[in-house]
Amino acid sequence: MPTAAGADVRRVGRPVRAVGFRRIRALFDLTRQDMATPGHRGCATLDTTNEFPDADHPANLTAVAHKSEVQSWLAE
């Protein structure tokens, strides 16, 4: 599988641009760093949607919007 910048990388039968792979890797690297921080309490987005399960609550709406933005960023 080519891994040079701009090359396609095949995963789950779909081509994924190398830049997308770098974004996913960066997200996992940041998550790993956060998890190693003393006092880490998990994913803030999941915590928020669990603590404010009402889909119309502003905190839930903000968390869902953030997750959607991250997914869009990863898909670019």
Protein backbone atom coordinates (compact mmCIF):
# COMPACT_ATOMS: atom_id res chain seq x y z
CA MET A 1 0.00 0.00 0.00
CA PRO A 2 1.43 3.38 -0.90
CA THR A 3 1.77 5.74 2.02
CA ALA A 4 3.38 8.76 0.39
CA ALA A 5 1.60 12.10 0.74
CA GLY A 6 -1.31 12.32 -1.67
CA ALA A 7 -1.36 8.58 -2.33
CA ASP A 8 -4.40 6.43 -1.72
CA VAL A 9 -4.28 3.97 1.12
CA ARG A 10 -6.74 1.08 1.00
CA ARG A 11 -8.68 0.29 4.14
CA VAL A 12 -11.92 -1.65 4.36
CA GLY A 13 -12.10 -1.75 0.59
CA ARG A 14 -12.25 2.05 0.20
CA PRO A 15 -9.46 4.40 -0.85
CA VAL A 16 -8.47 6.83 1.87
CA ARG A 17 -6.20 9.75 1.09
CA ALA A 18 -2.94 9.81 3.01
CA VAL A 19 -3.90 13.21 4.45
CA GLY A 20 -7.01 11.62 5.97
CA PHE A 21 -4.84 8.93 7.48
CA ARG A 22 -2.61 11.60 9.05
CA ARG A 23 -5.64 13.31 10.55
CA ILE A 24 -6.90 10.06 12.04
CA ARG A 25 -3.42 9.33 13.40
CA ALA A 26 -3.21 12.82 14.91
CA LEU A 27 -6.61 12.38 16.57
CA PHE A 28 -5.51 9.07 18.10
CA ASP A 29 -2.19 10.58 19.21
CA LEU A 30 -3.98 13.45 20.95
CA THR A 31 -6.44 11.03 22.55
CA ARG A 32 -3.59 8.88 23.84
CA GLN A 33 -1.89 11.97 25.30
CA ASP A 34 -5.13 13.08 26.97
CA MET A 35 -5.66 9.62 28.45
CA ALA A 36 -2.19 9.73 30.01
CA THR A 37 -2.93 13.04 31.73
CA PRO A 38 -3.66 12.75 35.47
CA GLY A 39 -7.33 13.40 36.12
CA HIS A 40 -8.44 12.44 32.60
CA ARG A 41 -12.15 11.67 32.76
CA GLY A 42 -12.85 10.26 29.33
CA CYS A 43 -14.31 11.75 26.19
CA ALA A 44 -15.88 15.12 26.93
CA THR A 45 -18.29 14.74 24.02
CA LEU A 46 -19.59 11.39 25.26
CA ASP A 47 -19.70 12.67 28.84
CA THR A 48 -21.78 15.65 27.74
CA THR A 49 -24.28 13.61 25.73
CA ASN A 50 -24.62 11.17 28.63
CA GLU A 51 -25.09 13.91 31.21
CA PHE A 52 -27.51 15.85 28.99
CA PRO A 53 -29.40 13.14 27.06
CA ASP A 54 -32.22 15.47 25.95
CA ALA A 55 -31.51 15.97 22.24
CA ASP A 56 -32.81 19.55 22.47
CA HIS A 57 -30.57 20.57 25.37
CA PRO A 58 -27.97 23.18 24.32
CA ALA A 59 -25.09 21.13 25.78
CA ASN A 60 -26.19 18.03 23.86
CA LEU A 61 -26.64 20.03 20.66
CA THR A 62 -23.14 21.50 21.04
CA ALA A 63 -21.56 18.08 21.67
CA VAL A 64 -23.33 16.53 18.68
CA ALA A 65 -22.32 19.47 16.47
CA HIS A 66 -18.70 19.10 17.58
CA LYS A 67 -18.70 15.37 16.81
CA SER A 68 -20.14 16.11 13.38
CA GLU A 69 -17.43 18.72 12.72
CA VAL A 70 -14.69 16.25 13.71
CA GLN A 71 -16.20 13.58 11.44
CA SER A 72 -16.32 16.07 8.55
CA TRP A 73 -12.71 17.10 9.20
CA LEU A 74 -11.62 13.46 9.16
CA ALA A 75 -13.55 12.80 5.94
CA GLU A 76 -11.96 15.71 4.02
